[in-house]
Amino acid sequence: MTAPLLDVRNLTVTFAGARSTVTAVNDVSFHIAPGETLGLVGESGSGKSVTAFAILRLLQAPGRVSAGQIFFEGRDLLTLPEREMRQVRGARISLIFQEPMTALNPVMRVGDQIGEALTVHGMASRAEAQRRAVELLEAVHIPNAGERVRDYPHQLSGGMRQRVMIAIALACRPALIIADEPTTALDVTIQAQVLDLLRELRTAFNLALLLITHDFGVIAEMADRVAVMYKGSLVEQGAVRQILRAPAHEYTRSLLAAVPGTTQDRGGQAPSPR
C-alpha cells in the first residue's frame, strides 16, 4: 500500500478556560493518500476547522494540541521546529479559507499576494513571481488575467476572490490543500463552478485535498472518502459510496436527511456519488 501523505493519529485539542478546559477535538484519527480527496463533514462547531488549524499548527491560545501525532510526508509536524514548519505551510500544505475578503489583504494587488507566496518560500524572484501570478490566475480561469493581476480584492466578485485564494494555495505546488468550507459564502451557481475548478486542479496538479464542509451534497460530488465529525469526535468514516448508501451512525443519517431532494430520514436514497 502507498504510505499516507497525511496521517493524523489520536489528535486531541483542548481550550483552557478560567474555570474549566473544553475538549474541541477528541482522539481523532484519519489519513489521506497522495492524490486523494477526504471529506471532513459535520455541523458548525463540530471541530472541523480546529482540526485543520491543528494540522497547520495555527491554533491560537488558549487552544493547544494536548495529545496525538500528525505525520505529513513521514515527519511529525507537532515536533518540527517552527522554522521548518514555516517551510511546510503554504509550500507543502496550503489552506483555502471560506471567506476570501477576510483572508486577502485589501490594500495589496492580487498579483502581489499570489507572488508573495512564491517569494516568501524562495521559489521565484519578484519578476518571475509576477509572471507566475498571471499564469496562476489563468489556471483558475480568471479572464483577462494580465489585467486582473493588478486589481485589488474589492474590485473582484466573490467567485473571483475565491479563485484568487485557490491560485495562492496552488502557487508553490503543494502536495496537500486544506479547503475550509470553500464555497459557503458563494451562491449556488458560483459554488458549482468553484467545485468543478477544484476537481479539475486536483487532477491537473495531482493534489490531495482535505475538504471541510457541512454539506453532504458537496461530499457526494467531490470526495473519495468521508469522515463524519460530531461534537469533536469522528463517529464514522469510509468510502463515500459506503457511507452514503449505508450510514451507520444516527448523526450521519441526519446530515444526509438535510440534503435537499433526499429522503434518507424516511429510508430513501442518499445522493449519488460522482
C-alpha atoms as a PDB file:
ATOM      1  CA  MET A   1       0.000   0.000   0.000  1.00  0.00           C
ATOM      2  CA  THR A   2       1.065   3.588  -0.627  1.00  0.00           C
ATOM      3  CA  ALA A   3       2.112   5.348   2.559  1.00  0.00           C
ATOM      4  CA  PRO A   4      -0.334   8.061   3.636  1.00  0.00           C
ATOM      5  CA  LEU A   5       0.578  11.615   2.711  1.00  0.00           C
ATOM      6  CA  LEU A   6      -1.126  12.867   5.881  1.00  0.00           C
ATOM      7  CA  ASP A   7      -1.662  10.614   8.880  1.00  0.00           C
ATOM      8  CA  VAL A   8      -3.466  12.134  11.873  1.00  0.00           C
ATOM      9  CA  ARG A   9      -3.275   9.887  14.920  1.00  0.00           C
ATOM     10  CA  ASN A  10      -5.344  10.299  18.100  1.00  0.00           C
ATOM     11  CA  LEU A  11      -5.447  14.092  17.833  1.00  0.00           C
ATOM     12  CA  THR A  12      -6.894  15.898  20.845  1.00  0.00           C
ATOM     13  CA  VAL A  13      -7.214  19.691  21.038  1.00  0.00           C
ATOM     14  CA  THR A  14      -8.232  21.493  24.219  1.00  0.00           C
ATOM     15  CA  PHE A  15      -9.054  25.081  25.140  1.00  0.00           C
ATOM     16  CA  ALA A  16      -8.235  26.048  28.722  1.00  0.00           C
ATOM     17  CA  GLY A  17     -10.623  28.493  30.376  1.00  0.00           C
ATOM     18  CA  ALA A  18     -10.580  30.212  33.741  1.00  0.00           C
ATOM     19  CA  ARG A  19     -12.722  27.517  35.354  1.00  0.00           C
ATOM     20  CA  SER A  20     -12.588  24.533  33.031  1.00  0.00           C
ATOM     21  CA  THR A  21     -10.945  23.010  29.981  1.00  0.00           C
ATOM     22  CA  VAL A  22     -13.010  22.310  26.875  1.00  0.00           C
ATOM     23  CA  THR A  23     -12.094  19.466  24.531  1.00  0.00           C
ATOM     24  CA  ALA A  24     -12.768  20.685  20.979  1.00  0.00           C
ATOM     25  CA  VAL A  25     -11.246  17.697  19.156  1.00  0.00           C
ATOM     26  CA  ASN A  26     -11.245  14.336  20.880  1.00  0.00           C
ATOM     27  CA  ASP A  27      -8.973  11.437  19.855  1.00  0.00           C
ATOM     28  CA  VAL A  28      -9.399  11.977  16.096  1.00  0.00           C
ATOM     29  CA  SER A  29      -7.566   9.753  13.602  1.00  0.00           C
ATOM     30  CA  PHE A  30      -7.670   9.747   9.805  1.00  0.00           C
ATOM     31  CA  HIS A  31      -5.328   9.615   6.826  1.00  0.00           C
ATOM     32  CA  ILE A  32      -5.144  10.956   3.283  1.00  0.00           C
ATOM     33  CA  ALA A  33      -3.281   9.230   0.451  1.00  0.00           C
ATOM     34  CA  PRO A  34      -1.442  11.163  -2.274  1.00  0.00           C
ATOM     35  CA  GLY A  35      -3.945  12.493  -4.809  1.00  0.00           C
ATOM     36  CA  GLU A  36      -6.958  11.561  -2.673  1.00  0.00           C
ATOM     37  CA  THR A  37      -9.848  13.756  -1.504  1.00  0.00           C
ATOM     38  CA  LEU A  38     -11.084  13.197   2.034  1.00  0.00           C
ATOM     39  CA  GLY A  39     -14.267  14.991   3.017  1.00  0.00           C
ATOM     40  CA  LEU A  40     -14.439  16.063   6.661  1.00  0.00           C
ATOM     41  CA  VAL A  41     -18.113  16.744   7.284  1.00  0.00           C
ATOM     42  CA  GLY A  42     -20.075  17.979  10.277  1.00  0.00           C
ATOM     43  CA  GLU A  43     -22.131  20.878  11.561  1.00  0.00           C
ATOM     44  CA  SER A  44     -20.676  24.203  12.707  1.00  0.00           C
ATOM     45  CA  GLY A  45     -18.825  23.801  15.997  1.00  0.00           C
ATOM     46  CA  SER A  46     -18.081  20.111  15.477  1.00  0.00           C
ATOM     47  CA  GLY A  47     -14.314  20.668  15.439  1.00  0.00           C
ATOM     48  CA  LYS A  48     -13.572  20.531  11.703  1.00  0.00           C
ATOM     49  CA  SER A  49     -11.761  23.879  11.387  1.00  0.00           C
ATOM     50  CA  VAL A  50      -9.957  23.359  14.697  1.00  0.00           C
ATOM     51  CA  THR A  51      -8.615  20.105  13.260  1.00  0.00           C
ATOM     52  CA  ALA A  52      -7.356  21.953  10.174  1.00  0.00           C
ATOM     53  CA  PHE A  53      -5.647  24.651  12.242  1.00  0.00           C
ATOM     54  CA  ALA A  54      -4.053  21.981  14.435  1.00  0.00           C
ATOM     55  CA  ILE A  55      -2.590  20.263  11.359  1.00  0.00           C
ATOM     56  CA  LEU A  56      -1.003  23.550  10.282  1.00  0.00           C
ATOM     57  CA  ARG A  57      -0.059  24.495  13.863  1.00  0.00           C
ATOM     58  CA  LEU A  58      -2.083  27.678  13.622  1.00  0.00           C
ATOM     59  CA  LEU A  59      -4.094  27.250  16.818  1.00  0.00           C
ATOM     60  CA  GLN A  60      -4.412  30.432  18.838  1.00  0.00           C
ATOM     61  CA  ALA A  61      -4.099  30.418  22.643  1.00  0.00           C
ATOM     62  CA  PRO A  62      -5.708  29.129  24.778  1.00  0.00           C
ATOM     63  CA  GLY A  63      -6.095  26.321  22.226  1.00  0.00           C
ATOM     64  CA  ARG A  64      -3.419  23.643  22.152  1.00  0.00           C
ATOM     65  CA  VAL A  65      -2.805  20.108  20.929  1.00  0.00           C
ATOM     66  CA  SER A  66      -2.851  18.089  24.137  1.00  0.00           C
ATOM     67  CA  ALA A  67      -2.336  14.654  22.582  1.00  0.00           C
ATOM     68  CA  GLY A  68      -1.686  12.906  19.296  1.00  0.00           C
ATOM     69  CA  GLN A  69       0.618  12.927  16.300  1.00  0.00           C
ATOM     70  CA  ILE A  70       0.302  14.477  12.837  1.00  0.00           C
ATOM     71  CA  PHE A  71       2.552  12.842  10.256  1.00  0.00           C
ATOM     72  CA  PHE A  72       2.977  14.561   6.890  1.00  0.00           C
ATOM     73  CA  GLU A  73       5.376  13.139   4.319  1.00  0.00           C
ATOM     74  CA  GLY A  74       6.781  10.966   7.090  1.00  0.00           C
ATOM     75  CA  ARG A  75       7.502  13.749   9.597  1.00  0.00           C
ATOM     76  CA  ASP A  76       5.527  14.520  12.756  1.00  0.00           C
ATOM     77  CA  LEU A  77       4.511  18.156  12.282  1.00  0.00           C
ATOM     78  CA  LEU A  78       3.967  18.591  16.018  1.00  0.00           C
ATOM     79  CA  THR A  79       7.658  18.028  16.726  1.00  0.00           C
ATOM     80  CA  LEU A  80       9.111  20.229  13.956  1.00  0.00           C
ATOM     81  CA  PRO A  81      10.899  23.444  14.912  1.00  0.00           C
ATOM     82  CA  GLU A  82       8.829  26.472  13.905  1.00  0.00           C
ATOM     83  CA  ARG A  83      11.365  27.384  11.222  1.00  0.00           C
ATOM     84  CA  GLU A  84      10.815  24.029   9.493  1.00  0.00           C
ATOM     85  CA  MET A  85       7.058  24.284   9.996  1.00  0.00           C
ATOM     86  CA  ARG A  86       7.030  27.607   8.127  1.00  0.00           C
ATOM     87  CA  GLN A  87       8.576  25.788   5.169  1.00  0.00           C
ATOM     88  CA  VAL A  88       5.668  23.321   5.232  1.00  0.00           C
ATOM     89  CA  ARG A  89       2.868  25.923   5.468  1.00  0.00           C
ATOM     90  CA  GLY A  90       1.996  27.278   2.050  1.00  0.00           C
ATOM     91  CA  ALA A  91       4.697  25.299   0.267  1.00  0.00           C
ATOM     92  CA  ARG A  92       3.727  21.670   1.033  1.00  0.00           C
ATOM     93  CA  ILE A  93       0.318  22.222   2.686  1.00  0.00           C
ATOM     94  CA  SER A  94      -1.898  25.134   1.633  1.00  0.00           C
ATOM     95  CA  LEU A  95      -5.128  26.412   3.152  1.00  0.00           C
ATOM     96  CA  ILE A  96      -8.145  27.861   1.334  1.00  0.00           C
ATOM     97  CA  PHE A  97     -10.359  29.892   3.673  1.00  0.00           C
ATOM     98  CA  GLN A  98     -14.135  30.082   3.387  1.00  0.00           C
ATOM     99  CA  GLU A  99     -14.260  33.898   3.306  1.00  0.00           C
ATOM    100  CA  PRO A 100     -11.644  35.403   0.964  1.00  0.00           C
ATOM    101  CA  MET A 101     -12.414  39.023   1.902  1.00  0.00           C
ATOM    102  CA  THR A 102     -11.092  38.379   5.405  1.00  0.00           C
ATOM    103  CA  ALA A 103      -8.131  36.307   4.159  1.00  0.00           C
ATOM    104  CA  LEU A 104      -6.948  38.568   1.331  1.00  0.00           C
ATOM    105  CA  ASN A 105      -5.066  41.777   2.091  1.00  0.00           C
ATOM    106  CA  PRO A 106      -7.402  44.619   0.986  1.00  0.00           C
ATOM    107  CA  VAL A 107      -4.534  47.037   0.207  1.00  0.00           C
ATOM    108  CA  MET A 108      -2.408  44.659  -1.896  1.00  0.00           C
ATOM    109  CA  ARG A 109      -2.994  43.892  -5.558  1.00  0.00           C
ATOM    110  CA  VAL A 110      -3.998  40.271  -6.058  1.00  0.00           C
ATOM    111  CA  GLY A 111      -0.975  39.605  -8.264  1.00  0.00           C
ATOM    112  CA  ASP A 112       1.334  40.745  -5.461  1.00  0.00           C
ATOM    113  CA  GLN A 113      -0.447  38.471  -2.999  1.00  0.00           C
ATOM    114  CA  ILE A 114      -0.043  35.476  -5.283  1.00  0.00           C
ATOM    115  CA  GLY A 115       3.587  36.382  -5.955  1.00  0.00           C
ATOM    116  CA  GLU A 116       4.303  36.773  -2.259  1.00  0.00           C
ATOM    117  CA  ALA A 117       3.510  33.086  -1.711  1.00  0.00           C
ATOM    118  CA  LEU A 118       6.358  32.288  -4.128  1.00  0.00           C
ATOM    119  CA  THR A 119       8.934  34.819  -2.933  1.00  0.00           C
ATOM    120  CA  VAL A 120       8.424  34.030   0.777  1.00  0.00           C
ATOM    121  CA  HIS A 121       9.390  30.411   0.082  1.00  0.00           C
ATOM    122  CA  GLY A 122      12.263  31.387  -2.198  1.00  0.00           C
ATOM    123  CA  MET A 123      10.668  29.826  -5.271  1.00  0.00           C
ATOM    124  CA  ALA A 124      10.811  32.833  -7.569  1.00  0.00           C
ATOM    125  CA  SER A 125      12.318  36.296  -7.983  1.00  0.00           C
ATOM    126  CA  ARG A 126       9.905  39.236  -7.880  1.00  0.00           C
ATOM    127  CA  ALA A 127       9.819  39.480 -11.668  1.00  0.00           C
ATOM    128  CA  GLU A 128       9.277  35.750 -12.061  1.00  0.00           C
ATOM    129  CA  ALA A 129       6.605  35.798  -9.345  1.00  0.00           C
ATOM    130  CA  GLN A 130       4.614  38.381 -11.300  1.00  0.00           C
ATOM    131  CA  ARG A 131       4.720  36.244 -14.416  1.00  0.00           C
ATOM    132  CA  ARG A 132       3.693  33.191 -12.433  1.00  0.00           C
ATOM    133  CA  ALA A 133       0.836  35.154 -10.868  1.00  0.00           C
ATOM    134  CA  VAL A 134      -0.671  35.725 -14.305  1.00  0.00           C
ATOM    135  CA  GLU A 135      -0.266  32.024 -15.149  1.00  0.00           C
ATOM    136  CA  LEU A 136      -1.951  31.010 -11.903  1.00  0.00           C
ATOM    137  CA  LEU A 137      -4.889  33.350 -12.496  1.00  0.00           C
ATOM    138  CA  GLU A 138      -5.241  31.780 -15.929  1.00  0.00           C
ATOM    139  CA  ALA A 139      -5.098  28.306 -14.344  1.00  0.00           C
ATOM    140  CA  VAL A 140      -8.090  29.167 -12.133  1.00  0.00           C
ATOM    141  CA  HIS A 141      -9.953  30.539 -15.174  1.00  0.00           C
ATOM    142  CA  ILE A 142      -9.990  34.245 -14.354  1.00  0.00           C
ATOM    143  CA  PRO A 143     -10.499  36.097 -17.665  1.00  0.00           C
ATOM    144  CA  ASN A 144      -8.077  38.862 -18.692  1.00  0.00           C
ATOM    145  CA  ALA A 145      -5.569  37.601 -16.136  1.00  0.00           C
ATOM    146  CA  GLY A 146      -2.891  40.032 -17.313  1.00  0.00           C
ATOM    147  CA  GLU A 147      -5.148  42.918 -16.315  1.00  0.00           C
ATOM    148  CA  ARG A 148      -6.805  41.367 -13.265  1.00  0.00           C
ATOM    149  CA  VAL A 149      -3.413  40.756 -11.677  1.00  0.00           C
ATOM    150  CA  ARG A 150      -3.321  44.495 -10.923  1.00  0.00           C
ATOM    151  CA  ASP A 151      -6.762  44.576  -9.265  1.00  0.00           C
ATOM    152  CA  TYR A 152      -7.438  44.882  -5.545  1.00  0.00           C
ATOM    153  CA  PRO A 153      -9.719  42.312  -3.859  1.00  0.00           C
ATOM    154  CA  HIS A 154     -12.678  44.714  -3.642  1.00  0.00           C
ATOM    155  CA  GLN A 155     -12.639  45.060  -7.440  1.00  0.00           C
ATOM    156  CA  LEU A 156     -13.391  41.356  -7.901  1.00  0.00           C
ATOM    157  CA  SER A 157     -16.605  39.392  -7.456  1.00  0.00           C
ATOM    158  CA  GLY A 158     -16.945  36.863  -4.642  1.00  0.00           C
ATOM    159  CA  GLY A 159     -16.338  33.977  -7.025  1.00  0.00           C
ATOM    160  CA  MET A 160     -13.215  35.621  -8.464  1.00  0.00           C
ATOM    161  CA  ARG A 161     -11.856  36.338  -4.978  1.00  0.00           C
ATOM    162  CA  GLN A 162     -12.241  32.665  -4.100  1.00  0.00           C
ATOM    163  CA  ARG A 163     -10.400  31.774  -7.323  1.00  0.00           C
ATOM    164  CA  VAL A 164      -7.586  34.107  -6.241  1.00  0.00           C
ATOM    165  CA  MET A 165      -7.424  32.228  -2.928  1.00  0.00           C
ATOM    166  CA  ILE A 166      -7.145  28.969  -4.854  1.00  0.00           C
ATOM    167  CA  ALA A 167      -4.389  30.474  -7.042  1.00  0.00           C
ATOM    168  CA  ILE A 168      -2.444  31.462  -3.905  1.00  0.00           C
ATOM    169  CA  ALA A 169      -2.899  27.956  -2.499  1.00  0.00           C
ATOM    170  CA  LEU A 170      -1.575  26.453  -5.740  1.00  0.00           C
ATOM    171  CA  ALA A 171       1.385  28.809  -6.120  1.00  0.00           C
ATOM    172  CA  CYS A 172       4.044  26.589  -4.565  1.00  0.00           C
ATOM    173  CA  ARG A 173       2.660  23.342  -5.994  1.00  0.00           C
ATOM    174  CA  PRO A 174       1.742  21.839  -2.603  1.00  0.00           C
ATOM    175  CA  ALA A 175       1.071  18.155  -2.085  1.00  0.00           C
ATOM    176  CA  LEU A 176      -1.994  18.827   0.083  1.00  0.00           C
ATOM    177  CA  ILE A 177      -4.626  21.557   0.073  1.00  0.00           C
ATOM    178  CA  ILE A 178      -6.972  22.027   3.019  1.00  0.00           C
ATOM    179  CA  ALA A 179     -10.166  23.683   1.794  1.00  0.00           C
ATOM    180  CA  ASP A 180     -12.166  25.010   4.760  1.00  0.00           C
ATOM    181  CA  GLU A 181     -15.782  25.475   3.597  1.00  0.00           C
ATOM    182  CA  PRO A 182     -14.502  26.939   0.293  1.00  0.00           C
ATOM    183  CA  THR A 183     -17.955  27.563  -1.212  1.00  0.00           C
ATOM    184  CA  THR A 184     -20.076  28.561   1.793  1.00  0.00           C
ATOM    185  CA  ALA A 185     -20.065  32.287   1.009  1.00  0.00           C
ATOM    186  CA  LEU A 186     -20.930  31.800  -2.686  1.00  0.00           C
ATOM    187  CA  ASP A 187     -24.250  31.469  -4.476  1.00  0.00           C
ATOM    188  CA  VAL A 188     -25.223  28.086  -5.883  1.00  0.00           C
ATOM    189  CA  THR A 189     -24.078  28.732  -9.458  1.00  0.00           C
ATOM    190  CA  ILE A 190     -20.645  30.048  -8.441  1.00  0.00           C
ATOM    191  CA  GLN A 191     -20.332  27.253  -5.866  1.00  0.00           C
ATOM    192  CA  ALA A 192     -20.689  24.660  -8.629  1.00  0.00           C
ATOM    193  CA  GLN A 193     -18.051  26.427 -10.727  1.00  0.00           C
ATOM    194  CA  VAL A 194     -15.570  26.509  -7.842  1.00  0.00           C
ATOM    195  CA  LEU A 195     -16.130  22.807  -7.096  1.00  0.00           C
ATOM    196  CA  ASP A 196     -15.612  21.979 -10.776  1.00  0.00           C
ATOM    197  CA  LEU A 197     -12.396  24.004 -10.668  1.00  0.00           C
ATOM    198  CA  LEU A 198     -11.106  22.202  -7.567  1.00  0.00           C
ATOM    199  CA  ARG A 199     -11.823  18.856  -9.198  1.00  0.00           C
ATOM    200  CA  GLU A 200     -10.031  19.911 -12.374  1.00  0.00           C
ATOM    201  CA  LEU A 201      -6.999  21.239 -10.488  1.00  0.00           C
ATOM    202  CA  ARG A 202      -6.794  18.148  -8.304  1.00  0.00           C
ATOM    203  CA  THR A 203      -6.318  16.064 -11.438  1.00  0.00           C
ATOM    204  CA  ALA A 204      -4.015  18.527 -13.219  1.00  0.00           C
ATOM    205  CA  PHE A 205      -1.683  19.017 -10.231  1.00  0.00           C
ATOM    206  CA  ASN A 206      -2.126  15.566  -8.584  1.00  0.00           C
ATOM    207  CA  LEU A 207      -3.298  17.230  -5.376  1.00  0.00           C
ATOM    208  CA  ALA A 208      -4.510  15.617  -2.206  1.00  0.00           C
ATOM    209  CA  LEU A 209      -7.455  17.520  -0.765  1.00  0.00           C
ATOM    210  CA  LEU A 210      -8.897  17.744   2.721  1.00  0.00           C
ATOM    211  CA  LEU A 211     -12.346  19.179   2.010  1.00  0.00           C
ATOM    212  CA  ILE A 212     -14.063  20.580   5.099  1.00  0.00           C
ATOM    213  CA  THR A 213     -17.794  21.149   4.766  1.00  0.00           C
ATOM    214  CA  HIS A 214     -21.169  20.812   6.453  1.00  0.00           C
ATOM    215  CA  ASP A 215     -22.789  19.818   3.137  1.00  0.00           C
ATOM    216  CA  PHE A 216     -23.075  16.136   2.281  1.00  0.00           C
ATOM    217  CA  GLY A 217     -24.072  17.108  -1.259  1.00  0.00           C
ATOM    218  CA  VAL A 218     -20.580  18.558  -1.756  1.00  0.00           C
ATOM    219  CA  ILE A 219     -19.045  15.401  -0.277  1.00  0.00           C
ATOM    220  CA  ALA A 220     -21.030  13.196  -2.653  1.00  0.00           C
ATOM    221  CA  GLU A 221     -19.774  15.221  -5.606  1.00  0.00           C
ATOM    222  CA  MET A 222     -16.136  15.709  -4.636  1.00  0.00           C
ATOM    223  CA  ALA A 223     -14.747  13.182  -2.150  1.00  0.00           C
ATOM    224  CA  ASP A 224     -13.275   9.687  -2.392  1.00  0.00           C
ATOM    225  CA  ARG A 225     -13.712   9.024   1.326  1.00  0.00           C
ATOM    226  CA  VAL A 226     -15.581  10.812   4.082  1.00  0.00           C
ATOM    227  CA  ALA A 227     -15.041  11.263   7.821  1.00  0.00           C
ATOM    228  CA  VAL A 228     -18.065  12.407   9.841  1.00  0.00           C
ATOM    229  CA  MET A 229     -17.359  14.670  12.813  1.00  0.00           C
ATOM    230  CA  TYR A 230     -19.764  15.228  15.704  1.00  0.00           C
ATOM    231  CA  LYS A 231     -19.042  17.138  18.923  1.00  0.00           C
ATOM    232  CA  GLY A 232     -15.290  16.903  18.392  1.00  0.00           C
ATOM    233  CA  SER A 233     -15.142  13.181  17.595  1.00  0.00           C
ATOM    234  CA  LEU A 234     -15.179  11.140  14.391  1.00  0.00           C
ATOM    235  CA  VAL A 235     -18.307   8.976  14.533  1.00  0.00           C
ATOM    236  CA  GLU A 236     -17.683   7.110  11.269  1.00  0.00           C
ATOM    237  CA  GLN A 237     -15.517   7.184   8.186  1.00  0.00           C
ATOM    238  CA  GLY A 238     -15.154   5.220   4.993  1.00  0.00           C
ATOM    239  CA  ALA A 239     -15.628   5.257   1.227  1.00  0.00           C
ATOM    240  CA  VAL A 240     -18.213   7.801   0.083  1.00  0.00           C
ATOM    241  CA  ARG A 241     -20.361   5.171  -1.633  1.00  0.00           C
ATOM    242  CA  GLN A 242     -20.405   3.034   1.503  1.00  0.00           C
ATOM    243  CA  ILE A 243     -21.351   5.891   3.849  1.00  0.00           C
ATOM    244  CA  LEU A 244     -23.982   7.335   1.519  1.00  0.00           C
ATOM    245  CA  ARG A 245     -25.677   4.001   0.937  1.00  0.00           C
ATOM    246  CA  ALA A 246     -25.490   2.601   4.465  1.00  0.00           C
ATOM    247  CA  PRO A 247     -24.701   5.251   7.093  1.00  0.00           C
ATOM    248  CA  ALA A 248     -24.074   3.520  10.405  1.00  0.00           C
ATOM    249  CA  HIS A 249     -24.421   6.467  12.779  1.00  0.00           C
ATOM    250  CA  GLU A 250     -27.620   8.353  13.564  1.00  0.00           C
ATOM    251  CA  TYR A 251     -25.847  11.710  13.174  1.00  0.00           C
ATOM    252  CA  THR A 252     -24.668  10.771   9.663  1.00  0.00           C
ATOM    253  CA  ARG A 253     -28.235   9.870   8.751  1.00  0.00           C
ATOM    254  CA  SER A 254     -29.442  13.260  10.000  1.00  0.00           C
ATOM    255  CA  LEU A 255     -26.822  15.069   7.882  1.00  0.00           C
ATOM    256  CA  LEU A 256     -27.913  13.113   4.825  1.00  0.00           C
ATOM    257  CA  ALA A 257     -31.547  13.907   5.546  1.00  0.00           C
ATOM    258  CA  ALA A 258     -30.687  17.617   5.384  1.00  0.00           C
ATOM    259  CA  VAL A 259     -29.518  17.359   1.762  1.00  0.00           C
ATOM    260  CA  PRO A 260     -32.285  18.798  -0.472  1.00  0.00           C
ATOM    261  CA  GLY A 261     -34.091  16.208  -2.540  1.00  0.00           C
ATOM    262  CA  THR A 262     -33.186  13.206  -0.402  1.00  0.00           C
ATOM    263  CA  THR A 263     -35.396  11.025   1.743  1.00  0.00           C
ATOM    264  CA  GLN A 264     -32.675   9.417   3.846  1.00  0.00           C
ATOM    265  CA  ASP A 265     -34.630  10.138   7.034  1.00  0.00           C
ATOM    266  CA  ARG A 266     -37.528   8.077   5.631  1.00  0.00           C
ATOM    267  CA  GLY A 267     -35.373   5.214   4.380  1.00  0.00           C
ATOM    268  CA  GLY A 268     -34.955   6.579   0.867  1.00  0.00           C
ATOM    269  CA  GLN A 269     -31.902   7.046  -1.320  1.00  0.00           C
ATOM    270  CA  ALA A 270     -28.937   9.204  -0.404  1.00  0.00           C
ATOM    271  CA  PRO A 271     -27.364  11.485  -3.033  1.00  0.00           C
ATOM    272  CA  SER A 272     -25.413   9.599  -5.674  1.00  0.00           C
ATOM    273  CA  PRO A 273     -21.618   9.922  -5.524  1.00  0.00           C
ATOM    274  CA  ARG A 274     -19.896  11.194  -8.640  1.00  0.00           C
END
